[in-house]
Amino acid sequence: MEQDNRLLLIAGSGRNTGKTTLATSIINNLSANYSITGLKVCTKRTGDERHHGAHEDIPSDSFSIYRETGTDPHKDTAKMMIAGAGKAFFIIADKSKLLETYNAIRKFAINDNTYIVCESGSLRKHVKPGLFLFVQNDHGSKSFEGSPEPGVDVIINTTDNIEIIQTIANRVSIKGESWILLPE
């Protein structure tokens, strides 16, 4: 597994748990002082078009990277741009190509001095981030036994308290070359 301390990874227990709200809050808080790139990484699954928009079909052993150029407030990557990200990308990849895809975007599109806020439930199997946040609520579509994800730094339960997202976002910072979570 590769280590990337400039990567902040946000995963969740399903759709509409607050992942993008957390990502955009963090970007909004820090983009005035740091170069931040937003990423949304999805594995290729038939039927997800209704959630991620229509894109060209990719072969199962491939990947596609789309740079966000619009400001459609319904798209997660556009929300990242509106929040202050210098760049944002939407990535669709076969599970077997996630690490290759991440390395490609790091090499060709993301400056080495940039910090990355990434919404992805699958990249964590290939890259160890500087900080890993997991957002869950009772409405999530995924079920987990015990800890929801290995290596999670903070589990954020938004079931009864959506305001917790901003509280956590306010504690996220950067120290040296890595993401950190400030004490309460």
Protein backbone atom coordinates (compact mmCIF):
# COMPACT_ATOMS: atom_id res chain seq x y z
CA MET A 1 0.00 0.00 0.00
CA GLU A 2 1.30 3.44 -0.91
CA GLN A 3 1.39 6.33 1.57
CA ASP A 4 0.29 9.86 0.57
CA ASN A 5 0.25 12.31 3.48
CA ARG A 6 -1.14 15.05 1.22
CA LEU A 7 -4.29 12.97 0.68
CA LEU A 8 -7.32 13.44 2.92
CA LEU A 9 -9.75 10.62 2.23
CA ILE A 10 -13.46 10.76 2.99
CA ALA A 11 -15.59 7.61 2.75
CA GLY A 12 -19.05 6.80 4.02
CA SER A 13 -21.75 4.30 4.73
CA GLY A 14 -23.72 5.24 1.62
CA ARG A 15 -25.18 8.14 -0.33
CA ASN A 16 -26.44 11.29 1.38
CA THR A 17 -24.45 10.79 4.58
CA GLY A 18 -22.61 14.13 4.39
CA LYS A 19 -19.36 13.18 2.62
CA THR A 20 -19.48 16.02 0.08
CA THR A 21 -20.63 18.50 2.71
CA LEU A 22 -17.59 17.56 4.80
CA ALA A 23 -15.25 17.76 1.80
CA THR A 24 -16.50 21.18 0.73
CA SER A 25 -16.39 22.51 4.30
CA ILE A 26 -12.75 21.45 4.64
CA ILE A 27 -11.88 22.96 1.24
CA ASN A 28 -13.69 26.19 2.13
CA ASN A 29 -11.84 26.44 5.46
CA LEU A 30 -8.33 25.88 4.05
CA SER A 31 -8.24 26.91 0.38
CA ALA A 32 -7.28 30.52 1.14
CA ASN A 33 -3.96 29.34 2.61
CA TYR A 34 -3.25 26.09 0.75
CA SER A 35 -3.50 24.77 -2.79
CA ILE A 36 -6.23 22.13 -2.72
CA THR A 37 -7.45 19.75 -5.41
CA GLY A 38 -10.78 17.96 -5.08
CA LEU A 39 -11.26 14.38 -6.25
CA LYS A 40 -14.23 12.09 -6.45
CA VAL A 41 -13.21 8.54 -7.24
CA CYS A 42 -15.78 5.90 -8.16
CA THR A 43 -15.37 2.34 -9.22
CA LYS A 44 -17.15 1.37 -12.40
CA ARG A 45 -20.51 -0.20 -11.63
CA THR A 46 -23.41 -0.63 -14.02
CA GLY A 47 -26.40 1.47 -12.99
CA ASP A 48 -24.47 4.25 -11.23
CA GLU A 49 -25.07 6.68 -14.11
CA ARG A 50 -28.13 8.10 -12.34
CA HIS A 51 -25.92 9.11 -9.40
CA HIS A 52 -22.79 10.31 -11.20
CA GLY A 53 -24.14 11.57 -14.53
CA ALA A 54 -23.81 10.17 -18.02
CA HIS A 55 -20.26 9.46 -19.13
CA GLU A 56 -18.84 7.39 -21.91
CA ASP A 57 -18.51 3.71 -21.14
CA ILE A 58 -15.02 2.56 -20.30
CA PRO A 59 -13.56 -0.91 -20.74
CA SER A 60 -13.45 -2.96 -17.56
CA ASP A 61 -9.64 -2.83 -17.50
CA SER A 62 -9.44 0.94 -17.90
CA PHE A 63 -10.21 4.27 -16.27
CA SER A 64 -11.45 7.75 -17.15
CA ILE A 65 -10.53 11.07 -15.58
CA TYR A 66 -12.77 14.12 -16.05
CA ARG A 67 -11.62 17.60 -15.05
CA GLU A 68 -14.45 19.69 -13.62
CA THR A 69 -15.03 22.83 -15.68
CA GLY A 70 -18.53 23.79 -14.62
CA THR A 71 -20.35 25.12 -11.60
CA ASP A 72 -23.43 22.88 -11.57
CA PRO A 73 -24.33 22.88 -7.86
CA HIS A 74 -25.72 19.34 -8.21
CA LYS A 75 -22.31 17.82 -9.05
CA ASP A 76 -19.95 16.98 -6.20
CA THR A 77 -16.81 18.05 -8.09
CA ALA A 78 -18.42 21.37 -9.01
CA LYS A 79 -19.26 21.89 -5.33
CA MET A 80 -15.57 21.36 -4.56
CA MET A 81 -14.65 24.06 -7.09
CA ILE A 82 -17.24 26.45 -5.68
CA ALA A 83 -15.80 25.81 -2.18
CA GLY A 84 -12.35 26.93 -3.34
CA ALA A 85 -10.51 23.94 -4.84
CA GLY A 86 -8.05 25.05 -7.52
CA LYS A 87 -8.94 21.96 -9.56
CA ALA A 88 -11.41 19.12 -9.21
CA PHE A 89 -11.61 15.78 -10.98
CA PHE A 90 -14.16 13.00 -11.29
CA ILE A 91 -12.59 9.59 -11.79
CA ILE A 92 -14.23 6.34 -12.84
CA ALA A 93 -12.03 3.28 -12.70
CA ASP A 94 -12.18 -0.45 -12.62
CA LYS A 95 -11.26 -1.69 -9.12
CA SER A 96 -8.10 -3.24 -10.53
CA LYS A 97 -6.98 0.16 -11.91
CA LEU A 98 -7.53 2.41 -8.86
CA LEU A 99 -3.89 2.73 -7.85
CA GLU A 100 -2.78 3.22 -11.45
CA THR A 101 -5.47 5.87 -11.90
CA TYR A 102 -4.49 7.71 -8.71
CA ASN A 103 -0.81 7.66 -9.68
CA ALA A 104 -1.68 8.96 -13.16
CA ILE A 105 -3.64 11.91 -11.83
CA ARG A 106 -0.92 12.69 -9.26
CA LYS A 107 1.74 12.64 -11.99
CA PHE A 108 -0.01 14.57 -14.73
CA ALA A 109 -2.57 16.86 -13.14
CA ILE A 110 -1.81 17.55 -9.48
CA ASN A 111 1.09 19.73 -8.37
CA ASP A 112 3.34 18.18 -5.70
CA ASN A 113 2.62 21.17 -3.43
CA THR A 114 -1.12 20.59 -3.58
CA TYR A 115 -3.18 18.93 -0.87
CA ILE A 116 -5.95 16.58 -1.99
CA VAL A 117 -9.45 16.21 -0.57
CA CYS A 118 -10.82 12.98 -2.01
CA GLU A 119 -14.25 11.43 -1.69
CA SER A 120 -13.82 7.71 -2.28
CA GLY A 121 -14.85 4.51 -0.61
CA SER A 122 -12.48 2.34 -2.59
CA LEU A 123 -9.18 4.20 -2.90
CA ARG A 124 -8.40 3.42 0.76
CA LYS A 125 -7.58 -0.16 -0.24
CA HIS A 126 -4.64 1.13 -2.31
CA VAL A 127 -3.40 4.37 -0.73
CA LYS A 128 -2.90 5.20 2.95
CA PRO A 129 -3.94 8.84 3.36
CA GLY A 130 -2.60 11.43 5.78
CA LEU A 131 -6.10 11.55 7.30
CA PHE A 132 -9.06 9.20 6.78
CA LEU A 133 -12.56 10.33 7.78
CA PHE A 134 -15.63 8.09 7.65
CA VAL A 135 -19.16 9.55 7.58
CA GLN A 136 -22.07 7.32 8.53
CA ASN A 137 -25.74 7.54 9.40
CA ASP A 138 -28.67 5.19 9.81
CA HIS A 139 -29.71 5.83 6.20
CA GLY A 140 -26.47 4.51 4.68
CA SER A 141 -26.79 1.74 2.13
CA LYS A 142 -23.67 -0.18 3.16
CA SER A 143 -23.47 -2.46 6.15
CA PHE A 144 -20.30 -3.00 8.15
CA GLU A 145 -19.35 -5.41 10.89
CA GLY A 146 -17.40 -3.79 13.72
CA SER A 147 -15.25 -0.88 12.54
CA PRO A 148 -16.60 0.41 9.22
CA GLU A 149 -13.19 0.68 7.57
CA PRO A 150 -9.63 -0.26 8.47
CA GLY A 151 -7.39 2.69 9.24
CA VAL A 152 -10.15 5.23 9.90
CA ASP A 153 -8.95 8.18 11.97
CA VAL A 154 -12.44 9.52 12.80
CA ILE A 155 -15.94 8.09 12.44
CA ILE A 156 -18.53 10.84 12.09
CA ASN A 157 -22.12 9.83 12.81
CA THR A 158 -24.52 12.30 11.20
CA THR A 159 -27.76 10.45 12.05
CA ASP A 160 -28.97 12.87 14.72
CA ASN A 161 -26.49 15.72 14.32
CA ILE A 162 -25.64 17.09 10.88
CA GLU A 163 -23.86 20.04 12.55
CA ILE A 164 -21.09 17.62 13.57
CA ILE A 165 -19.78 17.89 10.00
CA GLN A 166 -18.80 21.53 10.44
CA THR A 167 -17.36 20.81 13.89
CA ILE A 168 -15.07 18.16 12.41
CA ALA A 169 -14.25 20.29 9.34
CA ASN A 170 -13.11 23.09 11.67
CA ARG A 171 -10.66 20.66 13.35
CA VAL A 172 -9.05 19.51 10.09
CA SER A 173 -5.79 21.28 9.36
CA ILE A 174 -2.41 20.87 7.72
CA LYS A 175 0.90 20.59 9.54
CA GLY A 176 4.13 20.18 7.65
CA GLU A 177 3.37 17.98 4.68
CA SER A 178 0.34 16.18 6.12
CA TRP A 179 -3.30 16.50 7.06
CA ILE A 180 -4.00 16.51 10.80
CA LEU A 181 -7.02 16.59 13.09
CA LEU A 182 -6.69 19.20 15.81
CA PRO A 183 -7.81 18.24 19.33
CA GLU A 184 -11.27 19.26 20.48
